PDB file of N, CA and C in Angstrom:
ATOM      1  N   MET A   1       0.893  35.616  34.424  1.00  0.00           N
ATOM      2  CA  MET A   1       0.150  34.774  33.504  1.00  0.00           C
ATOM      3  C   MET A   1       0.620  33.335  33.694  1.00  0.00           C
ATOM      4  N   GLU A   2      -0.299  32.374  33.684  1.00  0.00           N
ATOM      5  CA  GLU A   2       0.077  30.996  33.900  1.00  0.00           C
ATOM      6  C   GLU A   2       0.455  30.308  32.592  1.00  0.00           C
ATOM      7  N   LYS A   3       1.331  29.313  32.701  1.00  0.00           N
ATOM      8  CA  LYS A   3       1.797  28.568  31.537  1.00  0.00           C
ATOM      9  C   LYS A   3       0.746  27.524  31.162  1.00  0.00           C
ATOM     10  N   ILE A   4       0.529  27.358  29.874  1.00  0.00           N
ATOM     11  CA  ILE A   4      -0.421  26.362  29.383  1.00  0.00           C
ATOM     12  C   ILE A   4       0.380  25.155  28.905  1.00  0.00           C
ATOM     13  N   ASN A   5       0.033  23.971  29.371  1.00  0.00           N
ATOM     14  CA  ASN A   5       0.712  22.744  28.988  1.00  0.00           C
ATOM     15  C   ASN A   5      -0.284  21.867  28.243  1.00  0.00           C
ATOM     16  N   ASN A   6      -0.025  21.612  26.941  1.00  0.00           N
ATOM     17  CA  ASN A   6      -0.938  20.808  26.132  1.00  0.00           C
ATOM     18  C   ASN A   6      -0.892  19.330  26.478  1.00  0.00           C
ATOM     19  N   LYS A   7       0.093  18.886  27.273  1.00  0.00           N
ATOM     20  CA  LYS A   7       0.219  17.472  27.588  1.00  0.00           C
ATOM     21  C   LYS A   7      -0.666  17.052  28.752  1.00  0.00           C
ATOM     22  N   THR A   8      -1.237  17.992  29.455  1.00  0.00           N
ATOM     23  CA  THR A   8      -2.132  17.651  30.556  1.00  0.00           C
ATOM     24  C   THR A   8      -3.554  17.603  30.033  1.00  0.00           C
ATOM     25  N   ASN A   9      -4.424  16.972  30.792  1.00  0.00           N
ATOM     26  CA  ASN A   9      -5.825  16.870  30.397  1.00  0.00           C
ATOM     27  C   ASN A   9      -6.622  18.105  30.796  1.00  0.00           C
ATOM     28  N   ILE A  10      -6.009  19.016  31.534  1.00  0.00           N
ATOM     29  CA  ILE A  10      -6.701  20.214  31.978  1.00  0.00           C
ATOM     30  C   ILE A  10      -6.699  21.224  30.836  1.00  0.00           C
ATOM     31  N   GLN A  11      -7.876  21.674  30.472  1.00  0.00           N
ATOM     32  CA  GLN A  11      -7.982  22.665  29.400  1.00  0.00           C
ATOM     33  C   GLN A  11      -8.247  24.025  30.013  1.00  0.00           C
ATOM     34  N   ARG A  12      -7.444  25.000  29.600  1.00  0.00           N
ATOM     35  CA  ARG A  12      -7.612  26.361  30.098  1.00  0.00           C
ATOM     36  C   ARG A  12      -7.581  27.306  28.914  1.00  0.00           C
ATOM     37  N   GLN A  13      -8.266  28.395  29.050  1.00  0.00           N
ATOM     38  CA  GLN A  13      -8.235  29.431  28.026  1.00  0.00           C
ATOM     39  C   GLN A  13      -7.440  30.608  28.544  1.00  0.00           C
ATOM     40  N   VAL A  14      -6.712  31.221  27.637  1.00  0.00           N
ATOM     41  CA  VAL A  14      -5.937  32.406  27.977  1.00  0.00           C
ATOM     42  C   VAL A  14      -6.372  33.507  27.024  1.00  0.00           C
ATOM     43  N   THR A  15      -6.688  34.657  27.547  1.00  0.00           N
ATOM     44  CA  THR A  15      -7.049  35.808  26.731  1.00  0.00           C
ATOM     45  C   THR A  15      -5.865  36.757  26.711  1.00  0.00           C
ATOM     46  N   VAL A  16      -5.446  37.145  25.506  1.00  0.00           N
ATOM     47  CA  VAL A  16      -4.316  38.064  25.367  1.00  0.00           C
ATOM     48  C   VAL A  16      -4.704  39.207  24.439  1.00  0.00           C
ATOM     49  N   ASP A  17      -4.095  40.346  24.662  1.00  0.00           N
ATOM     50  CA  ASP A  17      -4.284  41.491  23.775  1.00  0.00           C
ATOM     51  C   ASP A  17      -3.166  41.483  22.746  1.00  0.00           C
ATOM     52  N   GLY A  18      -3.494  41.970  21.565  1.00  0.00           N
ATOM     53  CA  GLY A  18      -2.484  42.031  20.524  1.00  0.00           C
ATOM     54  C   GLY A  18      -3.028  42.657  19.264  1.00  0.00           C
ATOM     55  N   MET A  19      -2.268  42.494  18.204  1.00  0.00           N
ATOM     56  CA  MET A  19      -2.642  43.064  16.913  1.00  0.00           C
ATOM     57  C   MET A  19      -2.516  41.972  15.851  1.00  0.00           C
ATOM     58  N   MET A  20      -3.486  41.913  14.944  1.00  0.00           N
ATOM     59  CA  MET A  20      -3.453  40.935  13.870  1.00  0.00           C
ATOM     60  C   MET A  20      -3.372  41.669  12.539  1.00  0.00           C
ATOM     61  N   VAL A  21      -2.488  41.178  11.683  1.00  0.00           N
ATOM     62  CA  VAL A  21      -2.302  41.758  10.355  1.00  0.00           C
ATOM     63  C   VAL A  21      -2.735  40.721   9.328  1.00  0.00           C
ATOM     64  N   PHE A  22      -3.661  41.100   8.444  1.00  0.00           N
ATOM     65  CA  PHE A  22      -4.123  40.226   7.374  1.00  0.00           C
ATOM     66  C   PHE A  22      -3.420  40.630   6.097  1.00  0.00           C
ATOM     67  N   GLY A  23      -3.046  39.654   5.289  1.00  0.00           N
ATOM     68  CA  GLY A  23      -2.368  39.962   4.036  1.00  0.00           C
ATOM     69  C   GLY A  23      -2.567  38.864   3.017  1.00  0.00           C
ATOM     70  N   GLN A  24      -1.869  39.029   1.901  1.00  0.00           N
ATOM     71  CA  GLN A  24      -1.931  38.050   0.825  1.00  0.00           C
ATOM     72  C   GLN A  24      -0.572  38.026   0.137  1.00  0.00           C
ATOM     73  N   THR A  25      -0.064  36.825  -0.108  1.00  0.00           N
ATOM     74  CA  THR A  25       1.232  36.696  -0.758  1.00  0.00           C
ATOM     75  C   THR A  25       1.091  36.957  -2.254  1.00  0.00           C
ATOM     76  N   GLU A  26       2.225  37.054  -2.938  1.00  0.00           N
ATOM     77  CA  GLU A  26       2.204  37.317  -4.381  1.00  0.00           C
ATOM     78  C   GLU A  26       1.528  36.204  -5.165  1.00  0.00           C
ATOM     79  N   ASP A  27       1.563  34.993  -4.633  1.00  0.00           N
ATOM     80  CA  ASP A  27       0.911  33.881  -5.339  1.00  0.00           C
ATOM     81  C   ASP A  27      -0.545  33.684  -4.912  1.00  0.00           C
ATOM     82  N   GLY A  28      -1.112  34.636  -4.165  1.00  0.00           N
ATOM     83  CA  GLY A  28      -2.537  34.627  -3.853  1.00  0.00           C
ATOM     84  C   GLY A  28      -2.921  33.955  -2.551  1.00  0.00           C
ATOM     85  N   LEU A  29      -1.962  33.415  -1.798  1.00  0.00           N
ATOM     86  CA  LEU A  29      -2.292  32.774  -0.532  1.00  0.00           C
ATOM     87  C   LEU A  29      -2.483  33.826   0.553  1.00  0.00           C
ATOM     88  N   ARG A  30      -3.478  33.609   1.395  1.00  0.00           N
ATOM     89  CA  ARG A  30      -3.781  34.569   2.451  1.00  0.00           C
ATOM     90  C   ARG A  30      -2.924  34.301   3.684  1.00  0.00           C
ATOM     91  N   THR A  31      -2.611  35.368   4.405  1.00  0.00           N
ATOM     92  CA  THR A  31      -1.844  35.245   5.638  1.00  0.00           C
ATOM     93  C   THR A  31      -2.541  36.018   6.749  1.00  0.00           C
ATOM     94  N   ALA A  32      -2.304  35.592   7.972  1.00  0.00           N
ATOM     95  CA  ALA A  32      -2.778  36.306   9.152  1.00  0.00           C
ATOM     96  C   ALA A  32      -1.697  36.154  10.217  1.00  0.00           C
ATOM     97  N   ASP A  33      -1.150  37.256  10.658  1.00  0.00           N
ATOM     98  CA  ASP A  33      -0.095  37.256  11.669  1.00  0.00           C
ATOM     99  C   ASP A  33      -0.605  37.966  12.914  1.00  0.00           C
ATOM    100  N   PHE A  34      -0.445  37.309  14.063  1.00  0.00           N
ATOM    101  CA  PHE A  34      -0.870  37.886  15.327  1.00  0.00           C
ATOM    102  C   PHE A  34       0.358  38.216  16.147  1.00  0.00           C
ATOM    103  N   GLU A  35       0.418  39.414  16.685  1.00  0.00           N
ATOM    104  CA  GLU A  35       1.504  39.836  17.562  1.00  0.00           C
ATOM    105  C   GLU A  35       0.913  40.141  18.924  1.00  0.00           C
ATOM    106  N   CYS A  36       1.342  39.377  19.922  1.00  0.00           N
ATOM    107  CA  CYS A  36       0.855  39.535  21.292  1.00  0.00           C
ATOM    108  C   CYS A  36       1.538  40.736  21.946  1.00  0.00           C
ATOM    109  N   CYS A  37       0.766  41.519  22.684  1.00  0.00           N
ATOM    110  CA  CYS A  37       1.292  42.710  23.361  1.00  0.00           C
ATOM    111  C   CYS A  37       1.518  42.469  24.846  1.00  0.00           C
ATOM    112  N   GLU A  38       1.434  41.225  25.297  1.00  0.00           N
ATOM    113  CA  GLU A  38       1.580  40.909  26.709  1.00  0.00           C
ATOM    114  C   GLU A  38       2.740  39.940  26.908  1.00  0.00           C
ATOM    115  N   ASP A  39       3.168  39.815  28.160  1.00  0.00           N
ATOM    116  CA  ASP A  39       4.212  38.855  28.513  1.00  0.00           C
ATOM    117  C   ASP A  39       3.532  37.539  28.869  1.00  0.00           C
ATOM    118  N   VAL A  40       3.455  36.620  27.907  1.00  0.00           N
ATOM    119  CA  VAL A  40       2.753  35.349  28.074  1.00  0.00           C
ATOM    120  C   VAL A  40       3.736  34.208  27.818  1.00  0.00           C
ATOM    121  N   HIS A  41       3.617  33.136  28.571  1.00  0.00           N
ATOM    122  CA  HIS A  41       4.458  31.962  28.392  1.00  0.00           C
ATOM    123  C   HIS A  41       3.557  30.786  28.053  1.00  0.00           C
ATOM    124  N   LEU A  42       3.520  30.413  26.777  1.00  0.00           N
ATOM    125  CA  LEU A  42       2.705  29.305  26.301  1.00  0.00           C
ATOM    126  C   LEU A  42       3.604  28.232  25.714  1.00  0.00           C
ATOM    127  N   GLU A  43       3.079  27.020  25.636  1.00  0.00           N
ATOM    128  CA  GLU A  43       3.805  25.951  24.961  1.00  0.00           C
ATOM    129  C   GLU A  43       3.596  26.122  23.459  1.00  0.00           C
ATOM    130  N   ALA A  44       4.677  26.222  22.716  1.00  0.00           N
ATOM    131  CA  ALA A  44       4.588  26.392  21.262  1.00  0.00           C
ATOM    132  C   ALA A  44       4.125  25.100  20.614  1.00  0.00           C
ATOM    133  N   PHE A  45       3.400  25.214  19.523  1.00  0.00           N
ATOM    134  CA  PHE A  45       3.010  24.034  18.767  1.00  0.00           C
ATOM    135  C   PHE A  45       2.836  24.412  17.302  1.00  0.00           C
ATOM    136  N   THR A  46       2.953  23.421  16.457  1.00  0.00           N
ATOM    137  CA  THR A  46       2.677  23.562  15.031  1.00  0.00           C
ATOM    138  C   THR A  46       1.666  22.489  14.685  1.00  0.00           C
ATOM    139  N   GLY A  47       0.649  22.841  13.940  1.00  0.00           N
ATOM    140  CA  GLY A  47      -0.360  21.857  13.580  1.00  0.00           C
ATOM    141  C   GLY A  47      -1.194  22.324  12.413  1.00  0.00           C
ATOM    142  N   LYS A  48      -1.975  21.409  11.886  1.00  0.00           N
ATOM    143  CA  LYS A  48      -2.909  21.750  10.826  1.00  0.00           C
ATOM    144  C   LYS A  48      -4.179  22.265  11.490  1.00  0.00           C
ATOM    145  N   CYS A  49      -4.668  23.388  10.994  1.00  0.00           N
ATOM    146  CA  CYS A  49      -5.805  24.047  11.629  1.00  0.00           C
ATOM    147  C   CYS A  49      -6.819  24.506  10.594  1.00  0.00           C
ATOM    148  N   LYS A  50      -8.037  24.665  11.063  1.00  0.00           N
ATOM    149  CA  LYS A  50      -9.082  25.314  10.275  1.00  0.00           C
ATOM    150  C   LYS A  50      -9.127  26.752  10.757  1.00  0.00           C
ATOM    151  N   VAL A  51      -9.013  27.702   9.831  1.00  0.00           N
ATOM    152  CA  VAL A  51      -9.021  29.117  10.177  1.00  0.00           C
ATOM    153  C   VAL A  51     -10.235  29.760   9.516  1.00  0.00           C
ATOM    154  N   GLN A  52     -11.015  30.462  10.318  1.00  0.00           N
ATOM    155  CA  GLN A  52     -12.152  31.215   9.802  1.00  0.00           C
ATOM    156  C   GLN A  52     -11.932  32.682  10.127  1.00  0.00           C
ATOM    157  N   ILE A  53     -11.914  33.511   9.098  1.00  0.00           N
ATOM    158  CA  ILE A  53     -11.842  34.957   9.296  1.00  0.00           C
ATOM    159  C   ILE A  53     -13.199  35.509   8.889  1.00  0.00           C
ATOM    160  N   MET A  54     -13.870  36.098   9.847  1.00  0.00           N
ATOM    161  CA  MET A  54     -15.226  36.579   9.611  1.00  0.00           C
ATOM    162  C   MET A  54     -15.187  38.006   9.040  1.00  0.00           C
ATOM    163  N   ARG A  55     -16.306  38.428   8.485  1.00  0.00           N
ATOM    164  CA  ARG A  55     -16.384  39.770   7.883  1.00  0.00           C
ATOM    165  C   ARG A  55     -16.127  40.888   8.886  1.00  0.00           C
ATOM    166  N   ASP A  56     -16.471  40.626  10.146  1.00  0.00           N
ATOM    167  CA  ASP A  56     -16.279  41.665  11.166  1.00  0.00           C
ATOM    168  C   ASP A  56     -14.864  41.657  11.749  1.00  0.00           C
ATOM    169  N   GLY A  57     -13.977  40.805  11.213  1.00  0.00           N
ATOM    170  CA  GLY A  57     -12.594  40.766  11.670  1.00  0.00           C
ATOM    171  C   GLY A  57     -12.303  39.724  12.732  1.00  0.00           C
ATOM    172  N   ASN A  58     -13.318  39.056  13.245  1.00  0.00           N
ATOM    173  CA  ASN A  58     -13.084  37.994  14.220  1.00  0.00           C
ATOM    174  C   ASN A  58     -12.383  36.815  13.538  1.00  0.00           C
ATOM    175  N   VAL A  59     -11.481  36.176  14.252  1.00  0.00           N
ATOM    176  CA  VAL A  59     -10.725  35.045  13.720  1.00  0.00           C
ATOM    177  C   VAL A  59     -10.930  33.856  14.645  1.00  0.00           C
ATOM    178  N   TYR A  60     -11.273  32.706  14.074  1.00  0.00           N
ATOM    179  CA  TYR A  60     -11.464  31.475  14.825  1.00  0.00           C
ATOM    180  C   TYR A  60     -10.514  30.421  14.260  1.00  0.00           C
ATOM    181  N   ILE A  61      -9.687  29.857  15.129  1.00  0.00           N
ATOM    182  CA  ILE A  61      -8.720  28.843  14.716  1.00  0.00           C
ATOM    183  C   ILE A  61      -8.989  27.580  15.522  1.00  0.00           C
ATOM    184  N   THR A  62      -9.159  26.463  14.827  1.00  0.00           N
ATOM    185  CA  THR A  62      -9.413  25.182  15.467  1.00  0.00           C
ATOM    186  C   THR A  62      -8.412  24.167  14.940  1.00  0.00           C
ATOM    187  N   GLU A  63      -7.682  23.532  15.835  1.00  0.00           N
ATOM    188  CA  GLU A  63      -6.723  22.511  15.413  1.00  0.00           C
ATOM    189  C   GLU A  63      -7.481  21.288  14.912  1.00  0.00           C
ATOM    190  N   LEU A  64      -7.041  20.747  13.788  1.00  0.00           N
ATOM    191  CA  LEU A  64      -7.663  19.555  13.215  1.00  0.00           C
ATOM    192  C   LEU A  64      -7.058  18.310  13.856  1.00  0.00           C
ATOM    193  N   PRO A  65      -7.838  17.219  13.918  1.00  0.00           N
ATOM    194  CA  PRO A  65      -7.288  15.990  14.504  1.00  0.00           C
ATOM    195  C   PRO A  65      -6.132  15.454  13.650  1.00  0.00           C
ATOM    196  N   LYS A  66      -5.234  14.746  14.300  1.00  0.00           N
ATOM    197  CA  LYS A  66      -4.096  14.162  13.600  1.00  0.00           C
ATOM    198  C   LYS A  66      -4.575  13.076  12.640  1.00  0.00           C
ATOM    199  N   ARG A  67      -3.917  13.007  11.492  1.00  0.00           N
ATOM    200  CA  ARG A  67      -4.253  11.996  10.500  1.00  0.00           C
ATOM    201  C   ARG A  67      -3.768  10.635  11.009  1.00  0.00           C
ATOM    202  N   VAL A  68      -4.651   9.646  10.915  1.00  0.00           N
ATOM    203  CA  VAL A  68      -4.290   8.289  11.298  1.00  0.00           C
ATOM    204  C   VAL A  68      -3.870   7.564  10.031  1.00  0.00           C
ATOM    205  N   ARG A  69      -2.612   7.186   9.978  1.00  0.00           N
ATOM    206  CA  ARG A  69      -2.103   6.488   8.796  1.00  0.00           C
ATOM    207  C   ARG A  69      -2.375   4.994   8.920  1.00  0.00           C
ATOM    208  N   ASN A  70      -2.739   4.406   7.788  1.00  0.00           N
ATOM    209  CA  ASN A  70      -2.964   2.970   7.742  1.00  0.00           C
ATOM    210  C   ASN A  70      -1.621   2.254   7.636  1.00  0.00           C
ATOM    211  N   GLN A  71      -1.442   1.204   8.427  1.00  0.00           N
ATOM    212  CA  GLN A  71      -0.224   0.412   8.358  1.00  0.00           C
ATOM    213  C   GLN A  71      -0.341  -0.572   7.198  1.00  0.00           C
ATOM    214  N   ALA A  72       0.709  -0.662   6.392  1.00  0.00           N
ATOM    215  CA  ALA A  72       0.712  -1.594   5.264  1.00  0.00           C
ATOM    216  C   ALA A  72       0.736  -3.028   5.786  1.00  0.00           C
ATOM    217  N   ILE A  73      -0.108  -3.874   5.210  1.00  0.00           N
ATOM    218  CA  ILE A  73      -0.120  -5.295   5.545  1.00  0.00           C
ATOM    219  C   ILE A  73       0.932  -6.005   4.696  1.00  0.00           C
ATOM    220  N   PHE A  74       0.956  -5.663   3.394  1.00  0.00           N
ATOM    221  CA  PHE A  74       1.928  -6.219   2.452  1.00  0.00           C
ATOM    222  C   PHE A  74       2.505  -5.088   1.627  1.00  0.00           C
ATOM    223  N   ARG A  75       3.785  -5.235   1.245  1.00  0.00           N
ATOM    224  CA  ARG A  75       4.459  -4.235   0.408  1.00  0.00           C
ATOM    225  C   ARG A  75       5.149  -4.916  -0.753  1.00  0.00           C
ATOM    226  N   GLU A  76       5.199  -4.206  -1.853  1.00  0.00           N
ATOM    227  CA  GLU A  76       6.008  -4.572  -3.010  1.00  0.00           C
ATOM    228  C   GLU A  76       6.854  -3.356  -3.351  1.00  0.00           C
ATOM    229  N   ASP A  77       7.541  -3.378  -4.488  1.00  0.00           N
ATOM    230  CA  ASP A  77       8.443  -2.283  -4.859  1.00  0.00           C
ATOM    231  C   ASP A  77       7.730  -0.936  -4.931  1.00  0.00           C
ATOM    232  N   ASN A  78       6.584  -0.880  -5.587  1.00  0.00           N
ATOM    233  CA  ASN A  78       5.865   0.376  -5.806  1.00  0.00           C
ATOM    234  C   ASN A  78       4.423   0.321  -5.334  1.00  0.00           C
ATOM    235  N   SER A  79       4.091  -0.652  -4.499  1.00  0.00           N
ATOM    236  CA  SER A  79       2.695  -0.792  -4.089  1.00  0.00           C
ATOM    237  C   SER A  79       2.600  -1.326  -2.669  1.00  0.00           C
ATOM    238  N   SER A  80       1.404  -1.188  -2.118  1.00  0.00           N
ATOM    239  CA  SER A  80       1.145  -1.724  -0.777  1.00  0.00           C
ATOM    240  C   SER A  80      -0.342  -1.993  -0.619  1.00  0.00           C
ATOM    241  N   LEU A  81      -0.656  -2.842   0.329  1.00  0.00           N
ATOM    242  CA  LEU A  81      -2.040  -3.145   0.689  1.00  0.00           C
ATOM    243  C   LEU A  81      -2.190  -2.828   2.167  1.00  0.00           C
ATOM    244  N   SER A  82      -3.236  -2.077   2.507  1.00  0.00           N
ATOM    245  CA  SER A  82      -3.470  -1.736   3.906  1.00  0.00           C
ATOM    246  C   SER A  82      -4.949  -1.843   4.217  1.00  0.00           C
ATOM    247  N   LEU A  83      -5.252  -1.921   5.513  1.00  0.00           N
ATOM    248  CA  LEU A  83      -6.638  -1.950   5.987  1.00  0.00           C
ATOM    249  C   LEU A  83      -6.924  -0.604   6.618  1.00  0.00           C
ATOM    250  N   GLY A  84      -7.912   0.104   6.077  1.00  0.00           N
ATOM    251  CA  GLY A  84      -8.243   1.442   6.546  1.00  0.00           C
ATOM    252  C   GLY A  84      -9.056   1.438   7.823  1.00  0.00           C
ATOM    253  N   GLN A  85      -9.162   2.622   8.441  1.00  0.00           N
ATOM    254  CA  GLN A  85      -9.943   2.793   9.660  1.00  0.00           C
ATOM    255  C   GLN A  85     -11.419   2.499   9.415  1.00  0.00           C
ATOM    256  N   ASP A  86     -11.846   2.593   8.158  1.00  0.00           N
ATOM    257  CA  ASP A  86     -13.242   2.346   7.791  1.00  0.00           C
ATOM    258  C   ASP A  86     -13.522   0.881   7.490  1.00  0.00           C
ATOM    259  N   GLY A  87     -12.534  -0.014   7.714  1.00  0.00           N
ATOM    260  CA  GLY A  87     -12.733  -1.438   7.477  1.00  0.00           C
ATOM    261  C   GLY A  87     -12.614  -1.836   6.024  1.00  0.00           C
ATOM    262  N   ARG A  88     -12.044  -0.987   5.189  1.00  0.00           N
ATOM    263  CA  ARG A  88     -11.879  -1.288   3.766  1.00  0.00           C
ATOM    264  C   ARG A  88     -10.405  -1.501   3.465  1.00  0.00           C
ATOM    265  N   TYR A  89     -10.133  -2.406   2.518  1.00  0.00           N
ATOM    266  CA  TYR A  89      -8.763  -2.642   2.082  1.00  0.00           C
ATOM    267  C   TYR A  89      -8.413  -1.643   0.990  1.00  0.00           C
ATOM    268  N   TYR A  90      -7.175  -1.121   1.046  1.00  0.00           N
ATOM    269  CA  TYR A  90      -6.704  -0.147   0.070  1.00  0.00           C
ATOM    270  C   TYR A  90      -5.430  -0.671  -0.588  1.00  0.00           C
ATOM    271  N   PHE A  91      -5.434  -0.672  -1.917  1.00  0.00           N
ATOM    272  CA  PHE A  91      -4.256  -1.036  -2.699  1.00  0.00           C
ATOM    273  C   PHE A  91      -3.699   0.254  -3.283  1.00  0.00           C
ATOM    274  N   TYR A  92      -2.438   0.544  -2.989  1.00  0.00           N
ATOM    275  CA  TYR A  92      -1.802   1.773  -3.463  1.00  0.00           C
ATOM    276  C   TYR A  92      -0.663   1.400  -4.392  1.00  0.00           C
ATOM    277  N   PHE A  93      -0.607   2.062  -5.538  1.00  0.00           N
ATOM    278  CA  PHE A  93       0.459   1.823  -6.519  1.00  0.00           C
ATOM    279  C   PHE A  93       0.919   3.163  -7.062  1.00  0.00           C
ATOM    280  N   SER A  94       2.225   3.367  -7.118  1.00  0.00           N
ATOM    281  CA  SER A  94       2.756   4.596  -7.713  1.00  0.00           C
ATOM    282  C   SER A  94       4.017   4.257  -8.496  1.00  0.00           C
ATOM    283  N   LEU A  95       4.220   5.004  -9.564  1.00  0.00           N
ATOM    284  CA  LEU A  95       5.367   4.783 -10.433  1.00  0.00           C
ATOM    285  C   LEU A  95       5.761   6.121 -11.034  1.00  0.00           C
ATOM    286  N   PRO A  96       7.053   6.402 -11.158  1.00  0.00           N
ATOM    287  CA  PRO A  96       7.468   7.665 -11.762  1.00  0.00           C
ATOM    288  C   PRO A  96       6.978   7.798 -13.203  1.00  0.00           C
ATOM    289  N   GLU A  97       6.704   9.017 -13.612  1.00  0.00           N
ATOM    290  CA  GLU A  97       6.153   9.276 -14.939  1.00  0.00           C
ATOM    291  C   GLU A  97       7.032   8.735 -16.056  1.00  0.00           C
ATOM    292  N   GLU A  98       8.350   8.792 -15.876  1.00  0.00           N
ATOM    293  CA  GLU A  98       9.249   8.340 -16.945  1.00  0.00           C
ATOM    294  C   GLU A  98       9.210   6.826 -17.160  1.00  0.00           C
ATOM    295  N   LEU A  99       8.575   6.084 -16.262  1.00  0.00           N
ATOM    296  CA  LEU A  99       8.449   4.625 -16.405  1.00  0.00           C
ATOM    297  C   LEU A  99       7.064   4.216 -16.895  1.00  0.00           C
ATOM    298  N   ILE A 100       6.388   5.091 -17.605  1.00  0.00           N
ATOM    299  CA  ILE A 100       5.026   4.813 -18.081  1.00  0.00           C
ATOM    300  C   ILE A 100       4.953   3.545 -18.930  1.00  0.00           C
ATOM    301  N   ASN A 101       6.000   3.252 -19.668  1.00  0.00           N
ATOM    302  CA  ASN A 101       5.998   2.046 -20.512  1.00  0.00           C
ATOM    303  C   ASN A 101       5.971   0.768 -19.678  1.00  0.00           C
ATOM    304  N   GLU A 102       6.484   0.820 -18.460  1.00  0.00           N
ATOM    305  CA  GLU A 102       6.516  -0.352 -17.584  1.00  0.00           C
ATOM    306  C   GLU A 102       5.290  -0.445 -16.690  1.00  0.00           C
ATOM    307  N   LEU A 103       4.444   0.574 -16.679  1.00  0.00           N
ATOM    308  CA  LEU A 103       3.312   0.622 -15.750  1.00  0.00           C
ATOM    309  C   LEU A 103       2.392  -0.586 -15.860  1.00  0.00           C
ATOM    310  N   PRO A 104       1.887  -0.957 -17.035  1.00  0.00           N
ATOM    311  CA  PRO A 104       0.958  -2.102 -17.068  1.00  0.00           C
ATOM    312  C   PRO A 104       1.585  -3.393 -16.532  1.00  0.00           C
ATOM    313  N   LYS A 105       2.826  -3.663 -16.950  1.00  0.00           N
ATOM    314  CA  LYS A 105       3.501  -4.891 -16.521  1.00  0.00           C
ATOM    315  C   LYS A 105       3.736  -4.884 -15.006  1.00  0.00           C
ATOM    316  N   GLU A 106       4.237  -3.768 -14.477  1.00  0.00           N
ATOM    317  CA  GLU A 106       4.530  -3.674 -13.050  1.00  0.00           C
ATOM    318  C   GLU A 106       3.262  -3.702 -12.202  1.00  0.00           C
ATOM    319  N   LEU A 107       2.220  -3.043 -12.664  1.00  0.00           N
ATOM    320  CA  LEU A 107       0.957  -3.046 -11.931  1.00  0.00           C
ATOM    321  C   LEU A 107       0.413  -4.459 -11.802  1.00  0.00           C
ATOM    322  N   VAL A 108       0.397  -5.195 -12.896  1.00  0.00           N
ATOM    323  CA  VAL A 108      -0.097  -6.576 -12.870  1.00  0.00           C
ATOM    324  C   VAL A 108       0.800  -7.450 -11.988  1.00  0.00           C
ATOM    325  N   ARG A 109       2.132  -7.305 -12.142  1.00  0.00           N
ATOM    326  CA  ARG A 109       3.065  -8.136 -11.379  1.00  0.00           C
ATOM    327  C   ARG A 109       2.924  -7.895  -9.875  1.00  0.00           C
ATOM    328  N   GLN A 110       2.905  -6.624  -9.470  1.00  0.00           N
ATOM    329  CA  GLN A 110       2.854  -6.324  -8.050  1.00  0.00           C
ATOM    330  C   GLN A 110       1.486  -6.612  -7.439  1.00  0.00           C
ATOM    331  N   ALA A 111       0.426  -6.358  -8.200  1.00  0.00           N
ATOM    332  CA  ALA A 111      -0.919  -6.682  -7.696  1.00  0.00           C
ATOM    333  C   ALA A 111      -1.076  -8.189  -7.541  1.00  0.00           C
ATOM    334  N   SER A 112      -0.533  -8.952  -8.473  1.00  0.00           N
ATOM    335  CA  SER A 112      -0.598 -10.414  -8.368  1.00  0.00           C
ATOM    336  C   SER A 112       0.214 -10.911  -7.180  1.00  0.00           C
ATOM    337  N   ALA A 113       1.386 -10.335  -6.967  1.00  0.00           N
ATOM    338  CA  ALA A 113       2.220 -10.752  -5.840  1.00  0.00           C
ATOM    339  C   ALA A 113       1.502 -10.483  -4.520  1.00  0.00           C
ATOM    340  N   ILE A 114       0.880  -9.324  -4.383  1.00  0.00           N
ATOM    341  CA  ILE A 114       0.146  -9.014  -3.147  1.00  0.00           C
ATOM    342  C   ILE A 114      -1.078  -9.913  -3.017  1.00  0.00           C
ATOM    343  N   ALA A 115      -1.773 -10.189  -4.122  1.00  0.00           N
ATOM    344  CA  ALA A 115      -2.941 -11.080  -4.075  1.00  0.00           C
ATOM    345  C   ALA A 115      -2.527 -12.477  -3.614  1.00  0.00           C
ATOM    346  N   ASN A 116      -1.377 -12.972  -4.086  1.00  0.00           N
ATOM    347  CA  ASN A 116      -0.890 -14.288  -3.654  1.00  0.00           C
ATOM    348  C   ASN A 116      -0.552 -14.284  -2.164  1.00  0.00           C
ATOM    349  N   LYS A 117       0.002 -13.201  -1.652  1.00  0.00           N
ATOM    350  CA  LYS A 117       0.293 -13.104  -0.226  1.00  0.00           C
ATOM    351  C   LYS A 117      -0.988 -13.128   0.605  1.00  0.00           C
ATOM    352  N   VAL A 118      -2.026 -12.461   0.105  1.00  0.00           N
ATOM    353  CA  VAL A 118      -3.322 -12.451   0.794  1.00  0.00           C
ATOM    354  C   VAL A 118      -3.894 -13.856   0.834  1.00  0.00           C
ATOM    355  N   ILE A 119      -3.821 -14.555  -0.296  1.00  0.00           N
ATOM    356  CA  ILE A 119      -4.340 -15.927  -0.374  1.00  0.00           C
ATOM    357  C   ILE A 119      -3.627 -16.830   0.628  1.00  0.00           C
ATOM    358  N   LYS A 120      -2.286 -16.723   0.693  1.00  0.00           N
ATOM    359  CA  LYS A 120      -1.515 -17.565   1.624  1.00  0.00           C
ATOM    360  C   LYS A 120      -1.808 -17.216   3.085  1.00  0.00           C
ATOM    361  N   ARG A 121      -1.874 -15.931   3.384  1.00  0.00           N
ATOM    362  CA  ARG A 121      -2.044 -15.518   4.792  1.00  0.00           C
ATOM    363  C   ARG A 121      -3.433 -15.828   5.319  1.00  0.00           C
ATOM    364  N   PHE A 122      -4.454 -15.569   4.503  1.00  0.00           N
ATOM    365  CA  PHE A 122      -5.823 -15.747   4.963  1.00  0.00           C
ATOM    366  C   PHE A 122      -6.440 -17.045   4.490  1.00  0.00           C
ATOM    367  N   GLU A 123      -5.634 -17.872   3.826  1.00  0.00           N
ATOM    368  CA  GLU A 123      -6.067 -19.206   3.346  1.00  0.00           C
ATOM    369  C   GLU A 123      -7.386 -19.123   2.593  1.00  0.00           C
ATOM    370  N   ILE A 124      -7.406 -18.269   1.598  1.00  0.00           N
ATOM    371  CA  ILE A 124      -8.623 -18.074   0.793  1.00  0.00           C
ATOM    372  C   ILE A 124      -8.669 -19.108  -0.310  1.00  0.00           C
TER     373      ILE A 124
END
């Protein structure tokens, strides 16, 4: 059996025989475990996938594309401003629940600080 290398641009399919066990954990999450019955050498990987289990027992697994994270343009203590892949600006603010009393003051302070940075950088 030939080794599959995900780092090359050549795509190959490998067919293997094995057994799949379907189950469910105590908290209700579904599981599917596949045990290969052949001597195969593949490159291991971990990724986020879409899994479809059909009524007839067929299983289809498709790896999802990697998430593209937006780089922050400006940062403050609990907030940031970034430009998304869709061409939109995103303002993110988070604060621990126990600091709820400080939320309005901090939100205004940090949003104003980022707004002033935008004004200076883009000369608005």
